[in-house]
Protein backbone atom coordinates (compact mmCIF):
# COMPACT_ATOMS: atom_id res chain seq x y z
CA MET A 1 -2.05 28.09 -11.77
CA MET A 2 -4.00 26.61 -14.67
CA ARG A 3 -1.48 23.78 -14.88
CA LEU A 4 -2.07 22.86 -11.23
CA ASP A 5 -5.83 22.98 -11.78
CA ARG A 6 -5.51 20.55 -14.69
CA LYS A 7 -3.34 18.22 -12.63
CA LEU A 8 -5.86 18.34 -9.82
CA VAL A 9 -8.68 17.41 -12.19
CA VAL A 10 -6.66 14.50 -13.57
CA LEU A 11 -5.75 13.29 -10.08
CA ARG A 12 -9.38 13.43 -8.95
CA ALA A 13 -10.44 11.42 -11.99
CA GLU A 14 -7.73 8.85 -11.26
CA GLN A 15 -8.79 8.71 -7.62
CA GLU A 16 -12.37 7.98 -8.67
CA ALA A 17 -11.20 5.29 -11.09
CA VAL A 18 -9.13 3.64 -8.34
CA ARG A 19 -12.10 3.79 -5.96
CA GLU A 20 -14.38 2.15 -8.52
CA GLU A 21 -11.77 -0.51 -9.28
CA GLY A 22 -11.46 -1.20 -5.56
CA GLU A 23 -15.21 -1.71 -5.28
CA VAL A 24 -15.15 -4.15 -8.21
CA ASN A 25 -12.24 -6.03 -6.61
CA GLU A 26 -14.05 -6.21 -3.25
CA THR A 27 -17.14 -7.64 -4.93
CA LEU A 28 -15.10 -10.17 -6.87
CA GLY A 29 -13.15 -11.11 -3.74
CA ALA A 30 -16.38 -11.71 -1.83
CA ARG A 31 -17.65 -13.97 -4.62
CA VAL A 32 -14.38 -15.94 -4.65
CA ALA A 33 -14.45 -16.29 -0.85
CA THR A 34 -18.03 -17.57 -0.99
CA ARG A 35 -17.10 -20.07 -3.66
CA VAL A 36 -14.04 -21.26 -1.73
CA SER A 37 -16.15 -21.69 1.41
CA ALA A 38 -18.69 -23.71 -0.54
CA VAL A 39 -16.18 -25.99 -2.27
CA ALA A 40 -13.22 -26.34 0.11
CA ARG A 41 -13.05 -28.19 3.38
CA PRO A 42 -13.16 -25.93 6.47
CA PRO A 43 -9.40 -26.05 7.20
CA GLU A 44 -8.61 -25.14 3.58
CA ALA A 45 -11.16 -22.33 3.59
CA SER A 46 -9.64 -21.00 6.81
CA LYS A 47 -6.16 -21.04 5.26
CA TYR A 48 -7.52 -19.14 2.27
CA ARG A 49 -9.12 -16.47 4.50
CA ASN A 50 -5.91 -16.09 6.51
CA HIS A 51 -3.87 -15.73 3.34
CA VAL A 52 -6.20 -13.05 1.99
CA GLU A 53 -5.99 -11.13 5.28
CA GLU A 54 -2.18 -11.31 5.30
CA VAL A 55 -1.94 -10.12 1.70
CA GLY A 56 -4.26 -7.23 2.56
CA LYS A 57 -2.13 -6.20 5.54
CA ILE A 58 1.10 -6.41 3.55
CA THR A 59 -0.43 -4.43 0.69
CA SER A 60 -1.58 -1.76 3.13
CA LEU A 61 1.91 -1.63 4.63
CA LEU A 62 3.53 -1.22 1.23
CA LEU A 63 1.09 1.52 0.22
CA GLY A 64 1.77 3.40 3.45
CA LEU A 65 5.52 3.15 3.00
CA SER A 66 5.21 4.17 -0.62
CA GLY A 67 3.33 7.31 0.39
CA ARG A 68 5.92 8.17 3.03
CA LEU A 69 8.72 7.67 0.55
CA ALA A 70 7.02 9.92 -2.02
CA ARG A 71 6.60 12.69 0.56
CA ALA A 72 10.24 12.35 1.59
CA GLU A 73 11.43 12.49 -2.02
CA ASN A 74 9.40 15.65 -2.60
CA ALA A 75 11.02 17.23 0.45
CA LEU A 76 14.49 16.43 -0.92
CA TYR A 77 14.02 18.29 -4.22
CA GLY A 78 14.72 21.73 -2.77
CA MET A 79 17.86 20.80 -0.81
CA PRO A 80 21.52 21.20 -1.84
CA ALA A 81 23.06 18.07 -3.41
CA ASP A 82 25.44 17.17 -0.55
CA HIS A 83 22.67 17.54 2.01
CA VAL A 84 20.31 15.46 -0.12
CA GLU A 85 22.80 12.59 -0.21
CA ARG A 86 23.17 12.51 3.59
CA VAL A 87 19.45 12.79 4.19
CA SER A 88 18.75 10.13 1.54
CA MET A 89 20.99 7.62 3.29
CA LYS A 90 19.35 8.33 6.65
CA LEU A 91 15.93 8.04 5.05
CA LEU A 92 16.81 4.74 3.44
CA VAL A 93 17.98 3.26 6.73
CA PHE A 94 14.88 4.60 8.48
CA LEU A 95 12.51 3.15 5.89
CA GLN A 96 14.24 -0.23 5.97
CA THR A 97 13.97 -0.33 9.75
CA LEU A 98 10.33 0.76 9.67
CA PHE A 99 9.50 -1.80 7.01
CA SER A 100 11.13 -4.64 8.92
CA ARG A 101 9.37 -3.68 12.17
CA GLN A 102 5.96 -3.48 10.53
CA LEU A 103 6.50 -6.71 8.64
CA LYS A 104 7.37 -8.47 11.92
CA LEU A 105 4.14 -7.16 13.44
CA ILE A 106 2.15 -8.44 10.50
CA ILE A 107 3.80 -11.84 10.65
CA ARG A 108 3.02 -12.07 14.38
CA GLY A 109 -0.60 -11.24 13.62
CA ILE A 110 -0.80 -7.92 15.43
């Protein structure tokens, strides 16, 4: 139980560090966007904003899929080896399909 408590403390500290880093990145991103808007012509500034939005959506997609994959891997640890192999293949196909569908939605701008 003590080991889990220590892991929880470490994970909370890492979560706080990631949150703080995210805030710093948001501030820096806002400064860069302001600078681009001030220096670039309007069509170029618009392209920059669109690119930043697309990268954000793709990053969010990858983080979501990464979380799903981690949960699925954790579920596989307690299963017999032959069952794990079958489930792993199904999971891989599912994740590839899900990824391609979500990527298509992002590309279409939905």
